[in-house]
Amino acid sequence: MDPREPTPADLDTISLQLGRPARDVVEISARCVCGNPLVAATAPRLGNGIPFPTTFYLTHPVLTAAVSRLEATGTMTAMNERLAADPELAARHRAAHEHYLAERNRIGARAGTGEVPEIAGISAGGMPDRVKCLHALAGHALAAGPGVDVLGDETLAAVADDWTPDRCTCTGAWDPDAPVPTKDLSRHVRRLTR
């Protein structure tokens, strides 16, 4: 079996991690050393028709919280300043953007969603020219592996006191015995009207 293929147990775990039902998960792009999901790859068009550009979605509460704390420190501002001053870093960030788009196309083909013109050329996290979401960059870095998303790699290194890929932090991060959420209150649940 393909380890990226989401099982019903994976989808239940993601729902518990997020506190809402898992939505249009095509792959588990990264897993904890224990096997639990860290990153879900979401179809570029949700089942209700809404375009969804965030292909790689962090699901693990410990990692998500660590990245949120990092965002609060002004790290994105410093990264944006470095992008403006360092052409090599900017080129690597643009290359990460291109990789993200190629991966979204692959995920979309696997999901059978076809082209999603509303988000064509749009990746996530502020790519290709800036940084506006470290969660998106970290998710991409975990899905792609080291060296593809340099600022995502930096994000993961910066949260190493709280989370690292070689250490399980799942115990106590969510309640595996809780009822799996069935009601989604997110803005992405409404239907696309055309």
Protein backbone atom coordinates (compact mmCIF):
# COMPACT_ATOMS: atom_id res chain seq x y z
CA MET A 1 0.00 0.00 0.00
CA ASP A 2 1.17 3.52 -0.82
CA PRO A 3 2.03 5.22 2.53
CA ARG A 4 0.63 8.46 1.14
CA GLU A 5 -2.80 6.91 0.60
CA PRO A 6 -5.07 8.22 3.39
CA THR A 7 -6.83 5.51 5.36
CA PRO A 8 -10.12 6.01 7.20
CA ALA A 9 -8.08 6.08 10.43
CA ASP A 10 -5.85 8.83 8.96
CA LEU A 11 -8.91 10.91 8.08
CA ASP A 12 -10.34 10.44 11.58
CA THR A 13 -6.98 11.45 13.08
CA ILE A 14 -6.81 14.56 10.89
CA SER A 15 -10.35 15.47 11.91
CA LEU A 16 -9.39 15.14 15.57
CA GLN A 17 -6.16 17.10 15.03
CA LEU A 18 -8.00 19.96 13.30
CA GLY A 19 -11.20 19.86 15.34
CA ARG A 20 -13.25 19.69 12.15
CA PRO A 21 -13.93 17.06 9.50
CA ALA A 22 -11.05 16.29 7.15
CA ARG A 23 -11.88 17.76 3.77
CA ASP A 24 -10.87 16.50 0.30
CA VAL A 25 -7.62 14.87 1.51
CA VAL A 26 -5.86 13.21 -1.42
CA GLU A 27 -2.61 12.19 0.24
CA ILE A 28 -0.82 12.14 3.55
CA SER A 29 2.27 14.03 2.40
CA ALA A 30 4.23 13.68 5.64
CA ARG A 31 3.86 11.48 8.67
CA CYS A 32 5.14 11.49 12.22
CA VAL A 33 7.71 8.82 13.03
CA CYS A 34 4.81 6.99 14.72
CA GLY A 35 2.77 7.07 11.50
CA ASN A 36 0.20 9.75 12.35
CA PRO A 37 -0.43 12.47 9.74
CA LEU A 38 1.61 15.68 9.85
CA VAL A 39 0.68 17.13 6.45
CA ALA A 40 -2.42 16.48 4.36
CA ALA A 41 -2.43 17.17 0.63
CA THR A 42 -5.78 18.69 -0.28
CA ALA A 43 -7.41 18.68 -3.71
CA PRO A 44 -7.07 22.02 -5.50
CA ARG A 45 -10.84 22.15 -5.93
CA LEU A 46 -12.90 21.12 -2.92
CA GLY A 47 -15.83 18.76 -3.36
CA ASN A 48 -18.21 21.72 -3.07
CA GLY A 49 -16.53 23.44 -6.05
CA ILE A 50 -14.49 26.04 -4.16
CA PRO A 51 -10.87 26.48 -5.39
CA PHE A 52 -8.37 25.67 -2.64
CA PRO A 53 -4.77 26.81 -3.23
CA THR A 54 -3.27 25.45 0.01
CA THR A 55 -2.25 22.02 -1.22
CA PHE A 56 -0.05 21.08 1.74
CA TYR A 57 -1.87 21.61 5.02
CA LEU A 58 -0.23 21.18 8.42
CA THR A 59 -2.47 19.04 10.62
CA HIS A 60 -0.39 18.17 13.68
CA PRO A 61 -1.37 20.45 16.60
CA VAL A 62 2.10 20.58 18.18
CA LEU A 63 3.77 21.54 14.91
CA THR A 64 1.02 23.97 13.95
CA ALA A 65 1.23 25.73 17.33
CA ALA A 66 5.04 25.92 17.14
CA VAL A 67 4.86 27.53 13.70
CA SER A 68 2.17 29.95 14.91
CA ARG A 69 4.44 31.05 17.76
CA LEU A 70 7.28 31.53 15.28
CA GLU A 71 5.06 33.69 13.06
CA ALA A 72 4.29 35.87 16.07
CA THR A 73 8.00 36.71 16.51
CA GLY A 74 8.29 38.67 13.26
CA THR A 75 10.11 35.94 11.38
CA MET A 76 8.11 36.55 8.21
CA THR A 77 9.16 40.22 8.12
CA ALA A 78 12.81 39.23 8.43
CA MET A 79 12.39 36.60 5.69
CA ASN A 80 10.78 39.18 3.39
CA GLU A 81 13.67 41.57 4.00
CA ARG A 82 16.13 38.79 3.15
CA LEU A 83 14.19 37.94 -0.03
CA ALA A 84 14.41 41.56 -1.15
CA ALA A 85 18.16 41.75 -0.46
CA ASP A 86 19.34 38.29 -1.58
CA PRO A 87 18.80 37.36 -5.25
CA GLU A 88 19.95 33.77 -4.67
CA LEU A 89 17.44 33.26 -1.87
CA ALA A 90 14.74 34.89 -4.00
CA ALA A 91 15.55 32.48 -6.86
CA ARG A 92 15.31 29.50 -4.51
CA HIS A 93 11.98 30.78 -3.19
CA ARG A 94 10.70 31.11 -6.77
CA ALA A 95 11.90 27.55 -7.50
CA ALA A 96 9.93 26.35 -4.44
CA HIS A 97 6.88 28.10 -5.89
CA GLU A 98 7.32 26.26 -9.21
CA HIS A 99 7.68 22.95 -7.36
CA TYR A 100 4.53 23.70 -5.36
CA LEU A 101 2.56 24.35 -8.55
CA ALA A 102 3.83 21.11 -10.13
CA GLU A 103 2.88 19.17 -7.01
CA ARG A 104 -0.57 20.77 -6.95
CA ASN A 105 -1.07 19.66 -10.55
CA ARG A 106 -0.03 16.13 -9.58
CA ILE A 107 -2.38 16.13 -6.58
CA GLY A 108 -5.19 17.54 -8.73
CA ALA A 109 -4.66 14.82 -11.33
CA ARG A 110 -4.72 12.18 -8.60
CA ALA A 111 -7.91 13.71 -7.18
CA GLY A 112 -9.49 14.00 -10.62
CA THR A 113 -10.28 17.69 -10.16
CA GLY A 114 -8.76 18.77 -13.46
CA GLU A 115 -7.64 22.33 -14.12
CA VAL A 116 -8.50 24.98 -11.53
CA PRO A 117 -8.07 28.23 -13.47
CA GLU A 118 -9.06 30.40 -10.50
CA ILE A 119 -5.77 29.53 -8.76
CA ALA A 120 -3.53 28.99 -11.80
CA GLY A 121 -0.05 30.31 -11.02
CA ILE A 122 -0.90 30.90 -7.35
CA SER A 123 0.90 28.71 -4.86
CA ALA A 124 0.81 29.37 -1.11
CA GLY A 125 2.63 31.03 1.72
CA GLY A 126 3.28 34.20 -0.27
CA MET A 127 5.42 32.50 -2.90
CA PRO A 128 6.98 33.39 -5.27
CA ASP A 129 7.87 36.91 -4.11
CA ARG A 130 7.21 37.11 -0.37
CA VAL A 131 6.41 35.17 2.79
CA LYS A 132 2.96 35.46 4.34
CA CYS A 133 2.33 32.02 5.91
CA LEU A 134 5.00 29.88 7.53
CA HIS A 135 2.51 27.02 7.94
CA ALA A 136 2.24 26.66 4.15
CA LEU A 137 6.01 26.77 3.72
CA ALA A 138 6.60 24.23 6.49
CA GLY A 139 3.94 21.91 5.06
CA HIS A 140 5.55 22.12 1.64
CA ALA A 141 9.01 21.52 3.09
CA LEU A 142 7.82 18.38 4.89
CA ALA A 143 6.00 17.10 1.80
CA ALA A 144 8.88 17.81 -0.59
CA GLY A 145 11.79 16.88 1.64
CA PRO A 146 14.84 18.96 2.59
CA GLY A 147 16.31 21.39 0.08
CA VAL A 148 13.20 22.15 -1.98
CA ASP A 149 11.58 24.92 0.09
CA VAL A 150 14.50 26.66 1.79
CA LEU A 151 12.35 28.99 3.90
CA GLY A 152 10.13 26.08 4.86
CA ASP A 153 13.26 24.19 5.92
CA GLU A 154 14.32 27.22 7.97
CA THR A 155 10.90 27.31 9.60
CA LEU A 156 11.17 23.66 10.63
CA ALA A 157 14.68 24.23 12.00
CA ALA A 158 13.46 27.24 13.97
CA VAL A 159 10.76 25.22 15.78
CA ALA A 160 13.09 22.33 16.66
CA ASP A 161 12.80 22.97 20.40
CA ASP A 162 9.09 22.13 20.15
CA TRP A 163 8.92 19.72 17.21
CA THR A 164 11.33 17.76 15.04
CA PRO A 165 10.63 15.12 12.38
CA ASP A 166 12.58 12.46 14.30
CA ARG A 167 10.60 12.74 17.57
CA CYS A 168 6.94 11.85 18.17
CA THR A 169 4.90 14.53 19.95
CA CYS A 170 1.49 12.96 19.38
CA THR A 171 0.71 11.82 22.92
CA GLY A 172 -1.59 14.42 24.43
CA ALA A 173 -1.68 16.57 21.28
CA TRP A 174 -5.30 15.54 20.62
CA ASP A 175 -7.74 13.13 22.21
CA PRO A 176 -7.79 9.94 20.12
CA ASP A 177 -10.84 8.73 22.07
CA ALA A 178 -12.93 11.85 21.41
CA PRO A 179 -15.81 11.70 18.94
CA VAL A 180 -14.60 12.48 15.44
CA PRO A 181 -15.90 15.94 14.44
CA THR A 182 -18.69 15.85 11.88
CA LYS A 183 -19.69 19.53 11.63
CA ASP A 184 -17.49 21.90 9.67
CA LEU A 185 -17.99 25.57 10.41
CA SER A 186 -15.20 26.82 8.12
CA ARG A 187 -15.86 29.28 5.33
CA HIS A 188 -14.93 26.56 2.84
CA VAL A 189 -18.10 24.55 3.44
CA ARG A 190 -20.46 26.73 1.49
CA ARG A 191 -21.11 25.76 -2.11
CA LEU A 192 -19.61 27.61 -5.01
CA THR A 193 -22.31 29.46 -6.90
CA ARG A 194 -21.83 30.03 -10.57
